[in-house]
């Protein structure tokens, strides 16, 4: 039977060994997290292959870093004599990458790709915002560290990559793998438009506070202005290497 503990850090937890039930529980949690990040990474690599060689590199890199941290946790848990303090240290390292790196680029993308989606201009703005984050040009806002809340009916599937909740899978006794998903009541949800390939070409978004009756077209990922972006970025990178 699993021993329930308070996982708060304290000096008496130092080098405390896990029971076999606890070790197996944590291994199952880590495996679930790795599987979820594998899914995210596969999607990002597919979009990189299909749409843009350069745009998806940043989220791919940090998703792989989170997975690497989870893999280290998994390896340590394979040792039957693993101790709780080391596990929590490894968990903290994973959470820092998730919150300070991956979640931040997701949050910035949520802002820069709104309200009209993957236009060439928005793609450029997002790319350079990520460059600014990488170079420390933006202060850390607490809200940036939280996962992106993903609405399947309204948001691009790109944002699902950033929706995994905090990976405190050792210190949180109630942890289970969750994505932050917005579920709308059926009566409030907008109808989903389909075409033969089951993609929504454009989604109408009402423009607030303009007094206009017009709607703004949302450019989805599959219709994004990546070709123009790639031409300019490739040329700029070539110039830097000369």
Protein backbone atom coordinates (compact mmCIF):
# COMPACT_ATOMS: atom_id res chain seq x y z
CA UNK A 1 0.00 0.00 0.00
CA UNK A 2 1.35 3.41 -1.01
CA UNK A 3 2.57 5.54 1.87
CA UNK A 4 1.02 9.03 1.65
CA UNK A 5 3.53 11.74 2.55
CA UNK A 6 3.75 15.48 2.73
CA UNK A 7 6.34 16.20 0.05
CA UNK A 8 7.43 19.54 1.49
CA UNK A 9 11.19 19.85 1.55
CA UNK A 10 12.73 19.47 4.98
CA UNK A 11 16.00 18.33 6.46
CA UNK A 12 14.53 15.02 7.61
CA UNK A 13 13.75 14.09 4.01
CA UNK A 14 17.41 14.11 3.06
CA UNK A 15 18.42 10.84 1.41
CA UNK A 16 15.10 9.27 2.39
CA UNK A 17 14.60 6.22 0.20
CA UNK A 18 11.34 5.51 -1.55
CA UNK A 19 9.19 2.47 -1.04
CA UNK A 20 8.85 0.23 -4.08
CA UNK A 21 5.24 1.35 -4.56
CA UNK A 22 6.30 4.99 -4.58
CA UNK A 23 9.14 4.35 -7.00
CA UNK A 24 6.82 2.57 -9.44
CA UNK A 25 4.20 5.30 -9.09
CA UNK A 26 6.75 7.99 -9.97
CA UNK A 27 8.06 5.95 -12.89
CA UNK A 28 4.53 5.73 -14.27
CA UNK A 29 4.11 9.50 -13.92
CA UNK A 30 7.40 10.21 -15.67
CA UNK A 31 6.52 7.78 -18.48
CA UNK A 32 3.21 9.59 -19.03
CA UNK A 33 4.99 12.95 -19.19
CA UNK A 34 7.62 11.66 -21.62
CA UNK A 35 4.88 10.24 -23.85
CA UNK A 36 3.09 13.61 -23.90
CA UNK A 37 6.29 15.47 -24.81
CA UNK A 38 7.08 12.90 -27.50
CA UNK A 39 3.69 13.73 -29.01
CA UNK A 40 4.44 17.46 -28.86
CA UNK A 41 7.90 17.03 -30.38
CA UNK A 42 6.56 14.86 -33.20
CA UNK A 43 4.02 17.57 -34.07
CA UNK A 44 6.62 20.33 -33.99
CA UNK A 45 9.04 18.36 -36.17
CA UNK A 46 6.26 17.62 -38.66
CA UNK A 47 5.40 21.33 -38.89
CA UNK A 48 9.09 22.16 -39.27
CA UNK A 49 9.32 19.70 -42.16
CA UNK A 50 6.08 20.84 -43.82
CA UNK A 51 6.03 24.59 -43.22
CA UNK A 52 9.20 26.21 -41.92
CA UNK A 53 12.78 25.14 -41.36
CA UNK A 54 13.49 27.92 -38.85
CA UNK A 55 10.29 28.99 -37.05
CA UNK A 56 9.76 25.85 -34.96
CA UNK A 57 13.37 25.41 -33.79
CA UNK A 58 12.90 27.23 -30.48
CA UNK A 59 9.90 25.24 -29.20
CA UNK A 60 11.51 22.02 -30.46
CA UNK A 61 14.73 22.78 -28.58
CA UNK A 62 13.04 23.50 -25.25
CA UNK A 63 10.61 20.59 -25.59
CA UNK A 64 13.60 18.31 -26.08
CA UNK A 65 15.28 19.86 -23.03
CA UNK A 66 12.21 19.10 -20.90
CA UNK A 67 12.17 15.55 -22.24
CA UNK A 68 15.88 15.18 -21.45
CA UNK A 69 15.23 16.24 -17.86
CA UNK A 70 12.37 13.76 -17.61
CA UNK A 71 14.60 11.03 -19.01
CA UNK A 72 17.17 11.77 -16.30
CA UNK A 73 14.42 11.43 -13.72
CA UNK A 74 13.37 8.14 -15.28
CA UNK A 75 16.94 6.80 -15.23
CA UNK A 76 17.37 7.74 -11.58
CA UNK A 77 14.10 6.01 -10.69
CA UNK A 78 15.40 2.77 -12.18
CA UNK A 79 17.74 2.60 -9.20
CA UNK A 80 15.83 0.84 -6.43
CA UNK A 81 17.82 2.78 -3.83
CA UNK A 82 16.98 6.23 -5.24
CA UNK A 83 16.44 8.96 -2.66
CA UNK A 84 13.71 11.56 -2.48
CA UNK A 85 15.96 14.62 -2.20
CA UNK A 86 17.74 13.92 -5.49
CA UNK A 87 14.43 13.22 -7.20
CA UNK A 88 13.01 16.56 -6.09
CA UNK A 89 16.18 18.34 -7.28
CA UNK A 90 15.74 16.72 -10.70
CA UNK A 91 12.06 17.66 -10.72
CA UNK A 92 12.90 21.30 -9.93
CA UNK A 93 15.31 21.40 -12.88
CA UNK A 94 12.60 20.06 -15.22
CA UNK A 95 10.01 22.54 -13.94
CA UNK A 96 12.40 25.47 -14.38
CA UNK A 97 12.91 24.63 -18.05
CA UNK A 98 9.19 24.11 -18.57
CA UNK A 99 8.16 27.33 -16.84
CA UNK A 100 10.99 29.76 -17.64
CA UNK A 101 11.66 28.61 -21.21
CA UNK A 102 8.91 26.58 -22.87
CA UNK A 103 5.88 28.20 -21.27
CA UNK A 104 7.30 31.68 -21.88
CA UNK A 105 7.71 31.17 -25.61
CA UNK A 106 4.20 29.72 -25.73
CA UNK A 107 2.78 32.73 -23.90
CA UNK A 108 4.61 35.19 -26.15
CA UNK A 109 3.38 33.33 -29.24
CA UNK A 110 -0.17 33.48 -27.92
CA UNK A 111 0.13 37.26 -27.82
CA UNK A 112 2.04 37.83 -31.06
CA UNK A 113 -0.07 35.47 -33.19
CA UNK A 114 -3.29 37.16 -32.11
CA UNK A 115 -5.78 38.12 -33.33
CA UNK A 116 -5.25 37.22 -36.99
CA UNK A 117 -3.10 34.10 -36.75
CA UNK A 118 -0.12 32.91 -38.78
CA UNK A 119 0.27 35.84 -41.13
CA UNK A 120 3.81 36.47 -42.36
CA UNK A 121 3.99 39.60 -40.20
CA UNK A 122 2.89 37.76 -37.05
CA UNK A 123 5.34 34.93 -37.74
CA UNK A 124 8.19 37.45 -37.96
CA UNK A 125 7.09 39.21 -34.77
CA UNK A 126 6.88 35.88 -32.91
CA UNK A 127 10.28 34.71 -34.15
CA UNK A 128 12.00 37.93 -33.06
CA UNK A 129 10.15 37.94 -29.73
CA UNK A 130 11.59 34.46 -29.10
CA UNK A 131 15.03 35.77 -30.04
CA UNK A 132 14.53 38.55 -27.48
CA UNK A 133 13.59 36.04 -24.81
CA UNK A 134 16.67 33.98 -25.60
CA UNK A 135 18.88 37.05 -25.30
CA UNK A 136 17.31 38.22 -22.03
CA UNK A 137 15.73 41.37 -23.43
CA UNK A 138 12.37 40.86 -21.71
CA UNK A 139 11.72 40.76 -17.95
CA UNK A 140 10.08 37.63 -16.59
CA UNK A 141 6.40 38.11 -15.87
CA UNK A 142 4.80 35.64 -13.50
CA UNK A 143 1.97 35.05 -15.97
CA UNK A 144 4.48 33.96 -18.64
CA UNK A 145 5.49 30.92 -16.61
CA UNK A 146 2.04 29.31 -16.63
CA UNK A 147 1.07 26.86 -19.35
CA UNK A 148 -1.10 28.08 -22.24
CA UNK A 149 -4.83 27.41 -21.82
CA UNK A 150 -5.81 25.71 -25.08
CA UNK A 151 -9.29 26.01 -26.58
CA UNK A 152 -9.65 23.25 -29.23
CA UNK A 153 -12.57 25.05 -30.91
CA UNK A 154 -10.87 28.41 -31.26
CA UNK A 155 -7.09 28.06 -30.97
CA UNK A 156 -4.54 26.76 -33.42
CA UNK A 157 -3.40 23.25 -32.56
CA UNK A 158 0.08 24.77 -32.30
CA UNK A 159 -0.81 26.06 -28.81
CA UNK A 160 -1.63 22.57 -27.54
CA UNK A 161 2.15 22.02 -27.43
CA UNK A 162 2.36 24.53 -24.55
CA UNK A 163 -0.68 23.32 -22.59
CA UNK A 164 0.88 20.67 -20.30
CA UNK A 165 0.45 21.61 -16.66
CA UNK A 166 3.34 21.93 -14.24
CA UNK A 167 5.54 18.82 -14.06
CA UNK A 168 5.78 18.68 -10.26
CA UNK A 169 5.30 14.94 -10.49
CA UNK A 170 7.39 14.08 -7.42
CA UNK A 171 6.54 16.83 -4.93
CA UNK A 172 2.81 16.97 -5.76
CA UNK A 173 1.19 13.91 -4.22
CA UNK A 174 -1.94 14.37 -6.38
CA UNK A 175 -0.11 14.93 -9.67
CA UNK A 176 -1.43 13.45 -12.87
CA UNK A 177 -0.67 14.40 -16.44
CA UNK A 178 -3.03 17.17 -17.50
CA UNK A 179 -3.27 19.71 -20.26
CA UNK A 180 -4.91 23.06 -19.66
CA UNK A 181 -7.94 22.69 -21.93
CA UNK A 182 -10.80 25.17 -22.20
CA UNK A 183 -14.10 23.38 -22.68
CA UNK A 184 -16.97 25.61 -23.75
CA UNK A 185 -20.59 24.82 -22.95
CA UNK A 186 -22.24 23.42 -26.07
CA UNK A 187 -24.65 26.35 -26.35
CA UNK A 188 -21.77 28.85 -26.37
CA UNK A 189 -19.43 27.03 -28.73
CA UNK A 190 -19.09 28.28 -32.28
CA UNK A 191 -19.83 25.78 -35.06
CA UNK A 192 -16.73 24.17 -36.54
CA UNK A 193 -16.41 24.54 -40.31
CA UNK A 194 -15.02 21.64 -42.29
CA UNK A 195 -13.80 21.03 -45.79
CA UNK A 196 -12.83 17.76 -47.48
CA UNK A 197 -9.43 17.53 -45.79
CA UNK A 198 -11.03 18.35 -42.40
CA UNK A 199 -9.06 21.57 -41.99
CA UNK A 200 -10.63 24.86 -41.06
CA UNK A 201 -9.31 27.30 -43.65
CA UNK A 202 -10.32 30.47 -41.85
CA UNK A 203 -12.05 31.27 -38.60
CA UNK A 204 -13.93 34.53 -38.18
CA UNK A 205 -13.08 36.52 -35.10
CA UNK A 206 -15.09 39.60 -34.23
CA UNK A 207 -12.91 42.69 -33.88
CA UNK A 208 -13.65 44.28 -30.48
CA UNK A 209 -13.95 48.00 -29.72
CA UNK A 210 -13.80 49.17 -33.34
CA UNK A 211 -17.45 49.84 -33.99
CA UNK A 212 -17.02 47.88 -37.20
CA UNK A 213 -19.40 45.18 -38.37
CA UNK A 214 -16.57 43.48 -40.20
CA UNK A 215 -14.81 40.32 -39.09
CA UNK A 216 -11.10 39.60 -39.06
CA UNK A 217 -9.93 36.46 -40.84
CA UNK A 218 -7.74 34.12 -38.84
CA UNK A 219 -4.93 32.53 -40.84
CA UNK A 220 -4.44 28.99 -39.63
CA UNK A 221 -1.12 27.19 -39.35
CA UNK A 222 -1.60 25.26 -42.60
CA UNK A 223 -2.23 28.50 -44.52
CA UNK A 224 0.45 30.54 -42.76
CA UNK A 225 2.86 32.96 -44.40
CA UNK A 226 5.85 30.71 -43.83
CA UNK A 227 7.18 30.87 -47.38
CA UNK A 228 7.76 34.63 -47.17
CA UNK A 229 9.20 34.23 -43.67
CA UNK A 230 11.65 31.52 -44.80
CA UNK A 231 12.88 33.57 -47.76
CA UNK A 232 13.72 36.57 -45.59
CA UNK A 233 15.17 34.62 -42.63
CA UNK A 234 17.29 32.36 -44.85
CA UNK A 235 18.72 35.38 -46.65
CA UNK A 236 19.42 37.14 -43.34
CA UNK A 237 21.18 34.08 -41.90
CA UNK A 238 23.23 33.66 -45.08
CA UNK A 239 24.33 37.30 -44.82
CA UNK A 240 25.41 36.74 -41.20
CA UNK A 241 27.54 33.76 -42.19
CA UNK A 242 29.37 35.67 -44.96
